[in-house]
Amino acid sequence: MWYAVQVETGREDASRDLIEQAARAAGLEGAFEELFVPKRRTLSKRSGELVEGEEPLFPGYLIAVAKPRDAEGVAAALRRAPRFARLLAYDGVFTPLAADEVAWICAFARREGPRRVVDMSEGHVEGGRVVVTSGPLVGREGLIRKIDRRKRTAYLRLRICGREVETKVGLSLVRKKG
């Protein structure tokens, strides 16, 4: 099962490391099959040069993958972490991500060792519509709600943990047609 873990915004990587250390110290290293910060690649201009970087896909959240029976062990590991971290729950029951939410993360975020990263997409505008030619957004243009050409960013609206959230992914529009 995949679970969303709420942590301090801006401290996602540090929180992940502290949670893993706390789990090892408590003998709970098997609680997580995977613990990762979903990231997105960015492309920005600094001093006139394009610089590649990464940012959290869902600021303030990690994803913990665990067996259903290990949810309590995961929660125990989170309680031992020296920073704020909690599994999202509804009425005291830990709520796993829905199958379509997991499928979305798997389809978009490519696994790179212990990390999962959403690559940049490329496309162009044709007749007032965005056409994505490469990257994870190919064929998924309908998810795009807004584009910031200057920041090379597409804003997507998704359901995660039963809530509508807006997230950003990299989209470089290389030219206009028509």
N, C-alpha and C. Protein backbone atom coordinates (compact mmCIF):
# COMPACT_ATOMS: atom_id res chain seq x y z
N MET A 1 0.84 -1.18 0.00
CA MET A 1 0.00 0.00 0.00
C MET A 1 0.89 1.25 0.00
N TRP A 2 0.41 2.27 -0.67
CA TRP A 2 1.12 3.54 -0.73
C TRP A 2 0.39 4.53 0.18
N TYR A 3 1.17 5.24 1.00
CA TYR A 3 0.60 6.21 1.93
C TYR A 3 1.26 7.57 1.73
N ALA A 4 0.48 8.62 1.94
CA ALA A 4 1.03 9.98 1.93
C ALA A 4 1.47 10.30 3.35
N VAL A 5 2.67 10.86 3.48
CA VAL A 5 3.22 11.25 4.77
C VAL A 5 3.39 12.76 4.75
N GLN A 6 2.73 13.44 5.68
CA GLN A 6 2.85 14.89 5.75
C GLN A 6 4.09 15.24 6.57
N VAL A 7 4.90 16.15 6.03
CA VAL A 7 6.13 16.61 6.70
C VAL A 7 6.21 18.13 6.56
N GLU A 8 7.25 18.72 7.14
CA GLU A 8 7.43 20.17 7.02
C GLU A 8 7.73 20.53 5.57
N THR A 9 7.01 21.50 5.04
CA THR A 9 7.25 21.97 3.68
C THR A 9 8.64 22.57 3.59
N GLY A 10 9.36 22.21 2.54
CA GLY A 10 10.72 22.71 2.35
C GLY A 10 11.78 21.83 3.00
N ARG A 11 11.36 20.85 3.80
CA ARG A 11 12.30 19.97 4.49
C ARG A 11 12.02 18.50 4.16
N GLU A 12 11.49 18.26 2.97
CA GLU A 12 11.08 16.92 2.59
C GLU A 12 12.25 15.93 2.58
N ASP A 13 13.37 16.30 1.96
CA ASP A 13 14.51 15.38 1.88
C ASP A 13 15.10 15.12 3.26
N ALA A 14 15.26 16.18 4.06
CA ALA A 14 15.80 16.02 5.42
C ALA A 14 14.86 15.17 6.26
N SER A 15 13.56 15.37 6.12
CA SER A 15 12.59 14.58 6.87
C SER A 15 12.66 13.11 6.49
N ARG A 16 12.79 12.84 5.18
CA ARG A 16 12.91 11.44 4.73
C ARG A 16 14.13 10.78 5.37
N ASP A 17 15.26 11.48 5.36
CA ASP A 17 16.48 10.92 5.95
C ASP A 17 16.31 10.66 7.45
N LEU A 18 15.70 11.62 8.17
CA LEU A 18 15.49 11.45 9.61
C LEU A 18 14.53 10.31 9.92
N ILE A 19 13.50 10.16 9.10
CA ILE A 19 12.54 9.06 9.31
C ILE A 19 13.24 7.72 9.10
N GLU A 20 14.06 7.61 8.06
CA GLU A 20 14.79 6.36 7.82
C GLU A 20 15.75 6.06 8.96
N GLN A 21 16.46 7.08 9.48
CA GLN A 21 17.37 6.89 10.61
C GLN A 21 16.60 6.45 11.85
N ALA A 22 15.47 7.10 12.12
CA ALA A 22 14.66 6.76 13.30
C ALA A 22 14.13 5.33 13.19
N ALA A 23 13.73 4.92 11.99
CA ALA A 23 13.22 3.56 11.78
C ALA A 23 14.33 2.54 12.03
N ARG A 24 15.54 2.81 11.51
CA ARG A 24 16.67 1.90 11.74
C ARG A 24 17.00 1.81 13.22
N ALA A 25 17.04 2.96 13.91
CA ALA A 25 17.38 2.99 15.33
C ALA A 25 16.36 2.22 16.17
N ALA A 26 15.12 2.19 15.73
CA ALA A 26 14.06 1.50 16.47
C ALA A 26 13.88 0.06 16.00
N GLY A 27 14.73 -0.40 15.08
CA GLY A 27 14.61 -1.76 14.58
C GLY A 27 13.43 -1.94 13.63
N LEU A 28 12.99 -0.85 13.01
CA LEU A 28 11.83 -0.89 12.11
C LEU A 28 12.24 -0.68 10.65
N GLU A 29 13.49 -1.04 10.30
CA GLU A 29 13.95 -0.77 8.94
C GLU A 29 13.14 -1.49 7.88
N GLY A 30 12.45 -2.55 8.22
CA GLY A 30 11.62 -3.26 7.25
C GLY A 30 10.23 -2.67 7.09
N ALA A 31 9.94 -1.60 7.84
CA ALA A 31 8.59 -1.00 7.78
C ALA A 31 8.30 -0.40 6.41
N PHE A 32 9.33 0.10 5.74
CA PHE A 32 9.14 0.75 4.44
C PHE A 32 9.69 -0.12 3.32
N GLU A 33 8.89 -0.37 2.31
CA GLU A 33 9.42 -0.97 1.08
C GLU A 33 10.12 0.13 0.30
N GLU A 34 9.57 1.34 0.42
CA GLU A 34 10.12 2.50 -0.28
C GLU A 34 9.63 3.75 0.45
N LEU A 35 10.48 4.74 0.56
CA LEU A 35 10.12 6.03 1.14
C LEU A 35 10.78 7.09 0.26
N PHE A 36 9.98 7.91 -0.40
CA PHE A 36 10.56 8.85 -1.36
C PHE A 36 9.80 10.17 -1.41
N VAL A 37 10.52 11.18 -1.88
CA VAL A 37 9.94 12.50 -2.15
C VAL A 37 9.72 12.55 -3.65
N PRO A 38 8.46 12.55 -4.13
CA PRO A 38 8.27 12.68 -5.58
C PRO A 38 8.77 14.06 -6.03
N LYS A 39 9.61 14.07 -7.05
CA LYS A 39 10.21 15.33 -7.51
C LYS A 39 9.85 15.58 -8.97
N ARG A 40 10.06 16.82 -9.38
CA ARG A 40 9.88 17.20 -10.78
C ARG A 40 11.13 17.92 -11.24
N ARG A 41 11.53 17.66 -12.46
CA ARG A 41 12.68 18.37 -13.03
C ARG A 41 12.25 19.78 -13.42
N THR A 42 13.16 20.71 -13.23
CA THR A 42 12.90 22.10 -13.61
C THR A 42 14.01 22.57 -14.52
N LEU A 43 13.71 23.58 -15.29
CA LEU A 43 14.68 24.21 -16.16
C LEU A 43 14.49 25.71 -15.99
N SER A 44 15.50 26.38 -15.46
CA SER A 44 15.37 27.82 -15.24
C SER A 44 16.62 28.54 -15.73
N LYS A 45 16.47 29.83 -15.95
CA LYS A 45 17.59 30.64 -16.43
C LYS A 45 18.23 31.35 -15.25
N ARG A 46 19.55 31.17 -15.12
CA ARG A 46 20.32 31.87 -14.10
C ARG A 46 21.55 32.44 -14.77
N SER A 47 21.72 33.73 -14.63
CA SER A 47 22.85 34.42 -15.26
C SER A 47 22.91 34.14 -16.75
N GLY A 48 21.73 34.07 -17.38
CA GLY A 48 21.65 33.88 -18.81
C GLY A 48 21.82 32.45 -19.29
N GLU A 49 22.04 31.50 -18.37
CA GLU A 49 22.22 30.11 -18.76
C GLU A 49 21.09 29.25 -18.21
N LEU A 50 20.69 28.24 -18.99
CA LEU A 50 19.67 27.30 -18.53
C LEU A 50 20.28 26.34 -17.52
N VAL A 51 19.63 26.22 -16.37
CA VAL A 51 20.11 25.36 -15.30
C VAL A 51 19.02 24.35 -14.96
N GLU A 52 19.39 23.07 -14.92
CA GLU A 52 18.44 22.02 -14.57
C GLU A 52 18.44 21.84 -13.05
N GLY A 53 17.26 21.61 -12.49
CA GLY A 53 17.13 21.40 -11.06
C GLY A 53 15.97 20.47 -10.76
N GLU A 54 15.67 20.31 -9.48
CA GLU A 54 14.55 19.48 -9.05
C GLU A 54 13.82 20.17 -7.91
N GLU A 55 12.51 19.97 -7.86
CA GLU A 55 11.67 20.49 -6.78
C GLU A 55 10.66 19.41 -6.41
N PRO A 56 10.16 19.44 -5.16
CA PRO A 56 9.13 18.46 -4.78
C PRO A 56 7.88 18.60 -5.64
N LEU A 57 7.32 17.48 -6.04
CA LEU A 57 6.09 17.47 -6.83
C LEU A 57 4.90 17.85 -5.96
N PHE A 58 4.90 17.36 -4.71
CA PHE A 58 3.86 17.68 -3.74
C PHE A 58 4.54 18.24 -2.50
N PRO A 59 4.77 19.57 -2.45
CA PRO A 59 5.47 20.16 -1.30
C PRO A 59 4.79 19.78 0.02
N GLY A 60 5.62 19.35 0.98
CA GLY A 60 5.11 18.99 2.29
C GLY A 60 4.69 17.53 2.42
N TYR A 61 4.99 16.72 1.39
CA TYR A 61 4.57 15.31 1.44
C TYR A 61 5.66 14.37 0.94
N LEU A 62 5.72 13.20 1.55
CA LEU A 62 6.53 12.08 1.09
C LEU A 62 5.56 10.96 0.74
N ILE A 63 6.05 9.95 0.07
CA ILE A 63 5.25 8.76 -0.19
C ILE A 63 5.95 7.58 0.49
N ALA A 64 5.20 6.86 1.31
CA ALA A 64 5.71 5.66 1.97
C ALA A 64 5.00 4.45 1.37
N VAL A 65 5.78 3.48 0.93
CA VAL A 65 5.23 2.25 0.39
C VAL A 65 5.49 1.15 1.43
N ALA A 66 4.41 0.51 1.88
CA ALA A 66 4.52 -0.52 2.92
C ALA A 66 3.45 -1.57 2.70
N LYS A 67 3.66 -2.72 3.31
CA LYS A 67 2.62 -3.76 3.27
C LYS A 67 1.46 -3.28 4.14
N PRO A 68 0.22 -3.64 3.80
CA PRO A 68 -0.93 -3.16 4.57
C PRO A 68 -0.81 -3.44 6.07
N ARG A 69 -0.28 -4.59 6.42
CA ARG A 69 -0.17 -4.93 7.84
C ARG A 69 0.92 -4.13 8.55
N ASP A 70 1.78 -3.44 7.78
CA ASP A 70 2.88 -2.68 8.37
C ASP A 70 2.54 -1.21 8.59
N ALA A 71 1.30 -0.79 8.36
CA ALA A 71 0.94 0.62 8.52
C ALA A 71 1.24 1.10 9.94
N GLU A 72 0.99 0.28 10.94
CA GLU A 72 1.28 0.67 12.32
C GLU A 72 2.78 0.83 12.54
N GLY A 73 3.58 -0.05 11.93
CA GLY A 73 5.03 0.07 12.03
C GLY A 73 5.53 1.35 11.38
N VAL A 74 4.93 1.70 10.26
CA VAL A 74 5.28 2.96 9.58
C VAL A 74 4.93 4.13 10.49
N ALA A 75 3.73 4.11 11.08
CA ALA A 75 3.31 5.19 11.97
C ALA A 75 4.24 5.28 13.18
N ALA A 76 4.68 4.13 13.71
CA ALA A 76 5.61 4.13 14.84
C ALA A 76 6.95 4.75 14.44
N ALA A 77 7.43 4.41 13.25
CA ALA A 77 8.70 5.00 12.77
C ALA A 77 8.56 6.51 12.63
N LEU A 78 7.41 6.97 12.15
CA LEU A 78 7.19 8.41 11.98
C LEU A 78 7.15 9.11 13.34
N ARG A 79 6.54 8.47 14.34
CA ARG A 79 6.48 9.08 15.68
C ARG A 79 7.86 9.22 16.29
N ARG A 80 8.78 8.35 15.93
CA ARG A 80 10.14 8.40 16.48
C ARG A 80 11.02 9.44 15.79
N ALA A 81 10.59 9.92 14.65
CA ALA A 81 11.38 10.92 13.91
C ALA A 81 11.42 12.22 14.71
N PRO A 82 12.58 12.90 14.73
CA PRO A 82 12.69 14.13 15.51
C PRO A 82 11.96 15.33 14.92
N ARG A 83 11.45 15.20 13.71
CA ARG A 83 10.69 16.29 13.08
C ARG A 83 9.26 15.84 12.87
N PHE A 84 8.40 16.83 12.62
CA PHE A 84 6.99 16.55 12.37
C PHE A 84 6.83 15.64 11.15
N ALA A 85 6.12 14.55 11.32
CA ALA A 85 5.79 13.64 10.21
C ALA A 85 4.60 12.80 10.65
N ARG A 86 3.60 12.70 9.78
CA ARG A 86 2.45 11.86 10.12
C ARG A 86 1.83 11.27 8.87
N LEU A 87 1.30 10.06 9.03
CA LEU A 87 0.55 9.42 7.96
C LEU A 87 -0.81 10.08 7.88
N LEU A 88 -1.30 10.30 6.69
CA LEU A 88 -2.63 10.87 6.56
C LEU A 88 -3.65 9.80 6.93
N ALA A 89 -4.62 10.21 7.74
CA ALA A 89 -5.63 9.27 8.24
C ALA A 89 -7.00 9.93 8.18
N TYR A 90 -8.02 9.10 8.16
CA TYR A 90 -9.40 9.56 8.20
C TYR A 90 -10.10 8.79 9.32
N ASP A 91 -10.61 9.50 10.30
CA ASP A 91 -11.24 8.88 11.48
C ASP A 91 -10.32 7.88 12.15
N GLY A 92 -9.04 8.23 12.25
CA GLY A 92 -8.07 7.38 12.94
C GLY A 92 -7.57 6.19 12.15
N VAL A 93 -8.05 6.02 10.92
CA VAL A 93 -7.61 4.90 10.08
C VAL A 93 -6.67 5.45 9.01
N PHE A 94 -5.47 4.86 8.92
CA PHE A 94 -4.51 5.32 7.93
C PHE A 94 -5.07 5.09 6.54
N THR A 95 -5.03 6.14 5.72
CA THR A 95 -5.66 6.11 4.41
C THR A 95 -4.62 5.92 3.32
N PRO A 96 -4.63 4.78 2.63
CA PRO A 96 -3.68 4.60 1.53
C PRO A 96 -4.13 5.41 0.31
N LEU A 97 -3.18 5.66 -0.58
CA LEU A 97 -3.52 6.31 -1.84
C LEU A 97 -4.40 5.37 -2.66
N ALA A 98 -5.30 5.94 -3.43
CA ALA A 98 -6.17 5.15 -4.30
C ALA A 98 -5.34 4.57 -5.45
N ALA A 99 -5.84 3.52 -6.06
CA ALA A 99 -5.12 2.85 -7.15
C ALA A 99 -4.82 3.80 -8.30
N ASP A 100 -5.76 4.70 -8.64
CA ASP A 100 -5.50 5.63 -9.75
C ASP A 100 -4.44 6.66 -9.38
N GLU A 101 -4.33 7.02 -8.09
CA GLU A 101 -3.30 7.96 -7.65
C GLU A 101 -1.92 7.30 -7.74
N VAL A 102 -1.84 6.04 -7.33
CA VAL A 102 -0.58 5.29 -7.43
C VAL A 102 -0.20 5.13 -8.90
N ALA A 103 -1.19 4.82 -9.74
CA ALA A 103 -0.93 4.65 -11.18
C ALA A 103 -0.41 5.95 -11.78
N TRP A 104 -0.96 7.09 -11.36
CA TRP A 104 -0.50 8.38 -11.87
C TRP A 104 0.96 8.60 -11.51
N ILE A 105 1.31 8.38 -10.24
CA ILE A 105 2.70 8.58 -9.81
C ILE A 105 3.63 7.64 -10.57
N CYS A 106 3.24 6.38 -10.72
CA CYS A 106 4.08 5.41 -11.44
C CYS A 106 4.24 5.79 -12.92
N ALA A 107 3.17 6.30 -13.54
CA ALA A 107 3.23 6.66 -14.96
C ALA A 107 4.07 7.91 -15.19
N PHE A 108 4.01 8.86 -14.29
CA PHE A 108 4.70 10.13 -14.49
C PHE A 108 6.11 10.14 -13.92
N ALA A 109 6.29 9.60 -12.73
CA ALA A 109 7.58 9.71 -12.02
C ALA A 109 8.44 8.49 -12.30
N ARG A 110 9.52 8.72 -13.00
CA ARG A 110 10.46 7.65 -13.35
C ARG A 110 11.34 7.35 -12.14
N ARG A 111 11.55 6.07 -11.90
CA ARG A 111 12.36 5.67 -10.75
C ARG A 111 13.84 5.82 -11.08
N GLU A 112 14.56 6.50 -10.19
CA GLU A 112 16.01 6.68 -10.33
C GLU A 112 16.64 6.27 -9.00
N GLY A 113 16.96 5.00 -8.86
CA GLY A 113 17.48 4.51 -7.58
C GLY A 113 16.41 4.65 -6.51
N PRO A 114 16.73 5.32 -5.40
CA PRO A 114 15.73 5.48 -4.34
C PRO A 114 14.79 6.66 -4.58
N ARG A 115 14.89 7.30 -5.73
CA ARG A 115 14.09 8.50 -6.01
C ARG A 115 13.10 8.24 -7.14
N ARG A 116 12.10 9.11 -7.22
CA ARG A 116 11.16 9.11 -8.35
C ARG A 116 11.04 10.54 -8.83
N VAL A 117 11.29 10.74 -10.13
CA VAL A 117 11.36 12.08 -10.69
C VAL A 117 10.50 12.18 -11.95
N VAL A 118 9.72 13.26 -12.05
CA VAL A 118 8.94 13.55 -13.25
C VAL A 118 9.83 14.38 -14.17
N ASP A 119 10.14 13.84 -15.33
CA ASP A 119 11.01 14.54 -16.28
C ASP A 119 10.29 15.72 -16.93
N MET A 120 11.08 16.59 -17.54
CA MET A 120 10.55 17.71 -18.32
C MET A 120 9.85 17.16 -19.56
N SER A 121 8.80 17.84 -19.96
CA SER A 121 8.14 17.54 -21.23
C SER A 121 8.44 18.68 -22.19
N GLU A 122 8.35 18.39 -23.48
CA GLU A 122 8.53 19.43 -24.50
C GLU A 122 7.32 19.41 -25.41
N GLY A 123 7.02 20.58 -25.97
CA GLY A 123 5.90 20.66 -26.88
C GLY A 123 5.87 21.99 -27.59
N HIS A 124 4.73 22.26 -28.23
CA HIS A 124 4.55 23.53 -28.93
C HIS A 124 3.06 23.87 -28.90
N VAL A 125 2.76 25.12 -29.26
CA VAL A 125 1.38 25.57 -29.34
C VAL A 125 0.99 25.55 -30.80
N GLU A 126 -0.12 24.89 -31.09
CA GLU A 126 -0.60 24.78 -32.47
C GLU A 126 -2.08 25.14 -32.49
N GLY A 127 -2.39 26.25 -33.14
CA GLY A 127 -3.78 26.67 -33.23
C GLY A 127 -4.41 26.95 -31.87
N GLY A 128 -3.65 27.50 -30.95
CA GLY A 128 -4.16 27.82 -29.63
C GLY A 128 -4.20 26.65 -28.66
N ARG A 129 -3.75 25.48 -29.09
CA ARG A 129 -3.73 24.30 -28.21
C ARG A 129 -2.31 23.82 -28.01
N VAL A 130 -2.05 23.28 -26.83
CA VAL A 130 -0.73 22.74 -26.52
C VAL A 130 -0.64 21.32 -27.06
N VAL A 131 0.45 21.04 -27.76
CA VAL A 131 0.73 19.69 -28.25
C VAL A 131 2.07 19.27 -27.63
N VAL A 132 2.04 18.26 -26.78
CA VAL A 132 3.26 17.78 -26.12
C VAL A 132 3.88 16.71 -27.01
N THR A 133 5.18 16.90 -27.33
CA THR A 133 5.86 16.00 -28.26
C THR A 133 6.79 15.00 -27.57
N SER A 134 7.21 15.29 -26.34
CA SER A 134 8.06 14.35 -25.61
C SER A 134 7.88 14.55 -24.11
N GLY A 135 8.19 13.49 -23.36
CA GLY A 135 8.09 13.55 -21.91
C GLY A 135 6.81 12.91 -21.38
N PRO A 136 6.63 12.93 -20.07
CA PRO A 136 5.49 12.24 -19.46
C PRO A 136 4.12 12.83 -19.78
N LEU A 137 4.05 14.06 -20.29
CA LEU A 137 2.76 14.67 -20.61
C LEU A 137 2.24 14.32 -22.01
N VAL A 138 3.00 13.54 -22.78
CA VAL A 138 2.55 13.16 -24.13
C VAL A 138 1.21 12.44 -24.02
N GLY A 139 0.23 12.93 -24.76
CA GLY A 139 -1.09 12.32 -24.75
C GLY A 139 -1.94 12.66 -23.53
N ARG A 140 -1.38 13.46 -22.64
CA ARG A 140 -2.11 13.83 -21.41
C ARG A 140 -2.30 15.34 -21.32
N GLU A 141 -2.38 15.98 -22.46
CA GLU A 141 -2.53 17.44 -22.49
C GLU A 141 -3.79 17.90 -21.77
N GLY A 142 -4.79 17.05 -21.68
CA GLY A 142 -6.04 17.41 -21.00
C GLY A 142 -5.88 17.66 -19.51
N LEU A 143 -4.78 17.18 -18.91
CA LEU A 143 -4.53 17.43 -17.49
C LEU A 143 -4.03 18.84 -17.23
N ILE A 144 -3.51 19.51 -18.27
CA ILE A 144 -2.91 20.83 -18.10
C ILE A 144 -4.00 21.87 -17.89
N ARG A 145 -3.89 22.62 -16.80
CA ARG A 145 -4.85 23.67 -16.48
C ARG A 145 -4.33 25.06 -16.85
N LYS A 146 -3.00 25.22 -16.75
CA LYS A 146 -2.40 26.53 -16.99
C LYS A 146 -0.94 26.30 -17.36
N ILE A 147 -0.37 27.23 -18.13
CA ILE A 147 1.04 27.13 -18.52
C ILE A 147 1.71 28.46 -18.24
N ASP A 148 2.92 28.39 -17.69
CA ASP A 148 3.76 29.56 -17.51
C ASP A 148 4.98 29.33 -18.41
N ARG A 149 4.94 29.96 -19.61
CA ARG A 149 6.02 29.73 -20.59
C ARG A 149 7.37 30.19 -20.06
N ARG A 150 7.39 31.33 -19.36
CA ARG A 150 8.64 31.88 -18.85
C ARG A 150 9.30 30.94 -17.83
N LYS A 151 8.48 30.34 -16.97
CA LYS A 151 9.02 29.42 -15.96
C LYS A 151 9.11 27.98 -16.45
N ARG A 152 8.66 27.75 -17.71
CA ARG A 152 8.67 26.41 -18.30
C ARG A 152 7.93 25.42 -17.39
N THR A 153 6.70 25.80 -17.03
CA THR A 153 5.92 25.03 -16.07
C THR A 153 4.49 24.83 -16.56
N ALA A 154 3.98 23.62 -16.37
CA ALA A 154 2.57 23.32 -16.61
C ALA A 154 1.94 23.03 -15.25
N TYR A 155 0.78 23.60 -15.02
CA TYR A 155 0.05 23.39 -13.77
C TYR A 155 -1.02 22.33 -14.02
N LEU A 156 -1.02 21.31 -13.19
CA LEU A 156 -1.98 20.21 -13.33
C LEU A 156 -2.88 20.17 -12.10
N ARG A 157 -4.10 19.75 -12.28
CA ARG A 157 -5.05 19.57 -11.17
C ARG A 157 -5.29 18.08 -11.02
N LEU A 158 -5.00 17.54 -9.81
CA LEU A 158 -5.12 16.10 -9.56
C LEU A 158 -5.86 15.83 -8.27
N ARG A 159 -6.33 14.61 -8.12
CA ARG A 159 -6.90 14.16 -6.84
C ARG A 159 -5.85 13.29 -6.15
N ILE A 160 -5.45 13.73 -4.97
CA ILE A 160 -4.52 12.95 -4.15
C ILE A 160 -5.12 12.88 -2.75
N CYS A 161 -5.22 11.69 -2.22
CA CYS A 161 -5.81 11.46 -0.90
C CYS A 161 -7.22 12.04 -0.81
N GLY A 162 -7.95 11.93 -1.91
CA GLY A 162 -9.33 12.40 -1.91
C GLY A 162 -9.49 13.90 -2.01
N ARG A 163 -8.38 14.64 -2.18
CA ARG A 163 -8.46 16.10 -2.28
C ARG A 163 -7.94 16.55 -3.63
N GLU A 164 -8.54 17.63 -4.14
CA GLU A 164 -8.03 18.25 -5.38
C GLU A 164 -6.78 19.05 -5.02
N VAL A 165 -5.68 18.79 -5.70
CA VAL A 165 -4.46 19.55 -5.48
C VAL A 165 -3.93 20.03 -6.83
N GLU A 166 -3.26 21.17 -6.79
CA GLU A 166 -2.59 21.67 -7.99
C GLU A 166 -1.12 21.39 -7.84
N THR A 167 -0.53 20.81 -8.86
CA THR A 167 0.90 20.56 -8.84
C THR A 167 1.50 21.07 -10.14
N LYS A 168 2.81 21.20 -10.15
CA LYS A 168 3.51 21.73 -11.32
C LYS A 168 4.44 20.66 -11.87
N VAL A 169 4.57 20.63 -13.19
CA VAL A 169 5.55 19.78 -13.85
C VAL A 169 6.24 20.62 -14.92
N GLY A 170 7.44 20.20 -15.30
CA GLY A 170 8.20 20.94 -16.30
C GLY A 170 7.65 20.76 -17.70
N LEU A 171 7.46 21.87 -18.40
CA LEU A 171 7.00 21.85 -19.79
C LEU A 171 7.67 22.99 -20.54
N SER A 172 8.49 22.63 -21.49
CA SER A 172 9.18 23.63 -22.30
C SER A 172 8.49 23.70 -23.66
N LEU A 173 7.89 24.86 -23.94
CA LEU A 173 7.25 25.06 -25.24
C LEU A 173 8.28 25.68 -26.16
N VAL A 174 8.66 24.92 -27.19
CA VAL A 174 9.78 25.33 -28.03
C VAL A 174 9.40 26.24 -29.18
N ARG A 175 8.16 26.17 -29.64
CA ARG A 175 7.77 27.05 -30.75
C ARG A 175 6.25 27.10 -30.86
N LYS A 176 5.79 28.07 -31.62
CA LYS A 176 4.36 28.20 -31.91
C LYS A 176 4.14 27.83 -33.36
N LYS A 177 3.06 27.11 -33.61
CA LYS A 177 2.69 26.78 -34.99
C LYS A 177 1.31 27.34 -35.25
N GLY A 178 1.11 27.88 -36.42
CA GLY A 178 -0.21 28.37 -36.83
C GLY A 178 -0.65 29.49 -36.03
